[in-house]
Amino acid sequence: MTPNPRKYVNQWVYPLVFIPVEKMVVVRYLGVNEVAARTGLSPNTIKSYSSIPGRMPQPDAMIGRVKGWTPETIDRWMERRATT
């Protein structure tokens, strides 16, 4: 007798979805050290700014406690800082 596969998947059957490689999008996030290198600020300044609401843009991604920003987000932030 074969086991019922539904019993082992919380009563749900998940279909397999295949995405062609050419349709996949890879998003690159900058960490604190990369943001520091891009902006000319120190990593400690970036960490400090990111903990003060409104001082720096919110991270575009968080993986655990690790913050990540897209290069576009950092570039827009630097442009706004230069005009003020």
N, C-alpha and C. Protein backbone atom coordinates (compact mmCIF):
# COMPACT_ATOMS: atom_id res chain seq x y z
N MET A 1 0.84 -1.18 0.00
CA MET A 1 0.00 0.00 0.00
C MET A 1 0.90 1.25 0.00
N THR A 2 0.63 2.17 -0.92
CA THR A 2 1.43 3.40 -0.98
C THR A 2 0.85 4.44 -0.04
N PRO A 3 1.72 5.21 0.62
CA PRO A 3 1.22 6.25 1.53
C PRO A 3 0.55 7.38 0.75
N ASN A 4 -0.42 7.97 1.40
CA ASN A 4 -1.13 9.10 0.80
C ASN A 4 -0.22 10.33 0.87
N PRO A 5 0.18 10.94 -0.28
CA PRO A 5 1.09 12.09 -0.22
C PRO A 5 0.46 13.31 0.44
N ARG A 6 -0.87 13.40 0.38
CA ARG A 6 -1.54 14.55 1.02
C ARG A 6 -1.35 14.54 2.53
N LYS A 7 -1.20 13.39 3.09
CA LYS A 7 -1.07 13.28 4.55
C LYS A 7 0.20 13.98 5.04
N TYR A 8 1.22 14.03 4.21
CA TYR A 8 2.51 14.57 4.63
C TYR A 8 2.74 16.01 4.21
N VAL A 9 1.77 16.64 3.57
CA VAL A 9 1.94 18.01 3.10
C VAL A 9 0.79 18.87 3.62
N ASN A 10 0.45 18.71 4.88
CA ASN A 10 -0.61 19.50 5.51
C ASN A 10 -1.90 19.52 4.70
N GLN A 11 -2.23 18.40 4.11
CA GLN A 11 -3.47 18.24 3.34
C GLN A 11 -3.51 19.08 2.08
N TRP A 12 -2.41 19.66 1.66
CA TRP A 12 -2.37 20.46 0.43
C TRP A 12 -1.40 19.82 -0.55
N VAL A 13 -1.72 19.92 -1.80
CA VAL A 13 -0.81 19.45 -2.84
C VAL A 13 -0.30 20.68 -3.55
N TYR A 14 1.00 20.88 -3.55
CA TYR A 14 1.60 22.06 -4.14
C TYR A 14 2.06 21.74 -5.56
N PRO A 15 1.60 22.50 -6.55
CA PRO A 15 2.06 22.23 -7.92
C PRO A 15 3.48 22.74 -8.11
N LEU A 16 4.21 22.10 -8.97
CA LEU A 16 5.55 22.56 -9.31
C LEU A 16 5.43 23.62 -10.39
N VAL A 17 6.09 24.74 -10.19
CA VAL A 17 6.07 25.82 -11.17
C VAL A 17 7.49 26.01 -11.65
N PHE A 18 7.67 25.92 -12.93
CA PHE A 18 8.99 26.11 -13.51
C PHE A 18 9.05 27.49 -14.17
N ILE A 19 10.07 28.26 -13.81
CA ILE A 19 10.26 29.58 -14.38
C ILE A 19 11.48 29.51 -15.30
N PRO A 20 11.31 29.90 -16.57
CA PRO A 20 12.47 29.87 -17.46
C PRO A 20 13.58 30.79 -16.95
N VAL A 21 14.80 30.38 -17.14
CA VAL A 21 15.95 31.13 -16.65
C VAL A 21 15.95 32.56 -17.19
N GLU A 22 15.57 32.75 -18.44
CA GLU A 22 15.59 34.09 -19.02
C GLU A 22 14.55 35.02 -18.41
N LYS A 23 13.58 34.49 -17.66
CA LYS A 23 12.57 35.33 -17.01
C LYS A 23 12.89 35.61 -15.54
N MET A 24 13.95 34.99 -15.03
CA MET A 24 14.32 35.21 -13.64
C MET A 24 14.98 36.58 -13.48
N VAL A 25 14.71 37.23 -12.38
CA VAL A 25 15.28 38.54 -12.10
C VAL A 25 16.10 38.43 -10.82
N VAL A 26 17.33 38.87 -10.88
CA VAL A 26 18.19 38.86 -9.70
C VAL A 26 18.29 40.29 -9.20
N VAL A 27 17.95 40.49 -7.94
CA VAL A 27 18.02 41.82 -7.34
C VAL A 27 19.27 41.86 -6.47
N ARG A 28 20.08 42.86 -6.68
CA ARG A 28 21.32 43.02 -5.91
C ARG A 28 21.09 44.04 -4.82
N TYR A 29 21.36 43.66 -3.60
CA TYR A 29 21.24 44.56 -2.46
C TYR A 29 22.63 44.89 -1.93
N LEU A 30 22.77 46.13 -1.49
CA LEU A 30 24.03 46.58 -0.90
C LEU A 30 23.94 46.46 0.61
N GLY A 31 24.97 45.90 1.21
CA GLY A 31 25.05 45.84 2.66
C GLY A 31 25.65 47.12 3.20
N VAL A 32 25.82 47.18 4.50
CA VAL A 32 26.35 48.38 5.16
C VAL A 32 27.72 48.76 4.61
N ASN A 33 28.61 47.79 4.45
CA ASN A 33 29.96 48.10 3.96
C ASN A 33 29.93 48.61 2.52
N GLU A 34 29.05 48.04 1.70
CA GLU A 34 28.96 48.48 0.31
C GLU A 34 28.33 49.87 0.20
N VAL A 35 27.34 50.14 1.07
CA VAL A 35 26.74 51.48 1.10
C VAL A 35 27.79 52.49 1.54
N ALA A 36 28.59 52.12 2.53
CA ALA A 36 29.64 53.02 3.01
C ALA A 36 30.64 53.32 1.88
N ALA A 37 31.04 52.32 1.15
CA ALA A 37 31.99 52.53 0.05
C ALA A 37 31.37 53.39 -1.04
N ARG A 38 30.09 53.19 -1.33
CA ARG A 38 29.42 53.95 -2.39
C ARG A 38 29.22 55.40 -2.02
N THR A 39 29.00 55.68 -0.72
CA THR A 39 28.68 57.03 -0.28
C THR A 39 29.89 57.80 0.24
N GLY A 40 30.97 57.10 0.56
CA GLY A 40 32.13 57.76 1.15
C GLY A 40 32.01 57.95 2.65
N LEU A 41 30.96 57.40 3.24
CA LEU A 41 30.79 57.46 4.70
C LEU A 41 31.37 56.20 5.32
N SER A 42 31.60 56.23 6.62
CA SER A 42 32.13 55.05 7.28
C SER A 42 31.00 54.06 7.57
N PRO A 43 31.34 52.77 7.69
CA PRO A 43 30.31 51.78 8.04
C PRO A 43 29.60 52.11 9.36
N ASN A 44 30.35 52.66 10.33
CA ASN A 44 29.70 53.02 11.60
C ASN A 44 28.70 54.15 11.42
N THR A 45 28.99 55.09 10.54
CA THR A 45 28.05 56.18 10.26
C THR A 45 26.80 55.63 9.61
N ILE A 46 26.94 54.70 8.65
CA ILE A 46 25.79 54.09 7.99
C ILE A 46 24.95 53.34 9.02
N LYS A 47 25.59 52.58 9.90
CA LYS A 47 24.84 51.85 10.94
C LYS A 47 24.10 52.83 11.84
N SER A 48 24.76 53.91 12.21
CA SER A 48 24.14 54.91 13.07
C SER A 48 22.97 55.58 12.37
N TYR A 49 23.17 56.01 11.11
CA TYR A 49 22.10 56.65 10.35
C TYR A 49 20.91 55.72 10.16
N SER A 50 21.17 54.44 9.93
CA SER A 50 20.07 53.51 9.66
C SER A 50 19.24 53.22 10.91
N SER A 51 19.79 53.53 12.09
CA SER A 51 19.02 53.31 13.32
C SER A 51 18.21 54.54 13.72
N ILE A 52 18.41 55.67 13.04
CA ILE A 52 17.67 56.90 13.32
C ILE A 52 16.57 57.04 12.27
N PRO A 53 15.29 56.98 12.67
CA PRO A 53 14.21 57.09 11.68
C PRO A 53 14.29 58.39 10.89
N GLY A 54 14.18 58.29 9.55
CA GLY A 54 14.19 59.45 8.68
C GLY A 54 15.57 59.93 8.26
N ARG A 55 16.60 59.45 8.88
CA ARG A 55 17.96 59.90 8.54
C ARG A 55 18.48 59.25 7.26
N MET A 56 17.97 58.05 7.02
CA MET A 56 18.41 57.26 5.87
C MET A 56 17.19 56.50 5.36
N PRO A 57 17.13 56.14 4.08
CA PRO A 57 15.97 55.38 3.60
C PRO A 57 15.84 54.04 4.32
N GLN A 58 14.60 53.59 4.44
CA GLN A 58 14.37 52.26 5.01
C GLN A 58 15.03 51.22 4.11
N PRO A 59 15.51 50.14 4.68
CA PRO A 59 16.11 49.09 3.85
C PRO A 59 15.08 48.52 2.87
N ASP A 60 15.55 48.16 1.70
CA ASP A 60 14.68 47.52 0.71
C ASP A 60 14.46 46.05 1.05
N ALA A 61 15.37 45.48 1.83
CA ALA A 61 15.26 44.08 2.23
C ALA A 61 15.91 43.92 3.60
N MET A 62 15.36 42.99 4.36
CA MET A 62 15.95 42.62 5.65
C MET A 62 16.00 41.10 5.69
N ILE A 63 17.18 40.57 5.95
CA ILE A 63 17.33 39.13 6.12
C ILE A 63 17.86 38.95 7.53
N GLY A 64 16.96 38.60 8.42
CA GLY A 64 17.31 38.58 9.83
C GLY A 64 17.54 40.00 10.29
N ARG A 65 18.72 40.29 10.80
CA ARG A 65 19.06 41.66 11.21
C ARG A 65 19.88 42.38 10.16
N VAL A 66 20.17 41.72 9.05
CA VAL A 66 21.01 42.30 8.00
C VAL A 66 20.14 43.15 7.07
N LYS A 67 20.54 44.42 6.90
CA LYS A 67 19.79 45.35 6.06
C LYS A 67 20.40 45.40 4.68
N GLY A 68 19.54 45.60 3.68
CA GLY A 68 20.02 45.71 2.31
C GLY A 68 19.27 46.79 1.56
N TRP A 69 20.00 47.57 0.79
CA TRP A 69 19.43 48.64 -0.02
C TRP A 69 19.79 48.38 -1.47
N THR A 70 18.90 48.77 -2.38
CA THR A 70 19.25 48.68 -3.80
C THR A 70 20.17 49.87 -4.12
N PRO A 71 21.01 49.73 -5.12
CA PRO A 71 21.88 50.85 -5.51
C PRO A 71 21.06 52.10 -5.87
N GLU A 72 19.89 51.90 -6.50
CA GLU A 72 19.05 53.04 -6.88
C GLU A 72 18.57 53.81 -5.65
N THR A 73 18.20 53.09 -4.60
CA THR A 73 17.74 53.74 -3.36
C THR A 73 18.85 54.60 -2.77
N ILE A 74 20.06 54.09 -2.74
CA ILE A 74 21.18 54.83 -2.17
C ILE A 74 21.53 56.03 -3.05
N ASP A 75 21.48 55.85 -4.37
CA ASP A 75 21.78 56.97 -5.28
C ASP A 75 20.77 58.10 -5.12
N ARG A 76 19.47 57.76 -5.02
CA ARG A 76 18.44 58.79 -4.81
C ARG A 76 18.65 59.50 -3.48
N TRP A 77 19.01 58.74 -2.45
CA TRP A 77 19.25 59.33 -1.13
C TRP A 77 20.43 60.30 -1.19
N MET A 78 21.49 59.91 -1.88
CA MET A 78 22.66 60.78 -1.99
C MET A 78 22.33 62.04 -2.78
N GLU A 79 21.50 61.94 -3.82
CA GLU A 79 21.09 63.12 -4.58
C GLU A 79 20.29 64.08 -3.70
N ARG A 80 19.38 63.54 -2.89
CA ARG A 80 18.59 64.39 -1.98
C ARG A 80 19.47 65.04 -0.93
N ARG A 81 20.48 64.30 -0.44
CA ARG A 81 21.39 64.88 0.56
C ARG A 81 22.20 66.01 -0.03
N ALA A 82 22.57 65.89 -1.30
CA ALA A 82 23.40 66.92 -1.93
C ALA A 82 22.62 68.21 -2.15
N THR A 83 21.31 68.12 -2.34
CA THR A 83 20.51 69.32 -2.61
C THR A 83 20.06 70.02 -1.34
N THR A 84 20.18 69.37 -0.20
CA THR A 84 19.74 70.02 1.05
C THR A 84 20.90 70.57 1.83
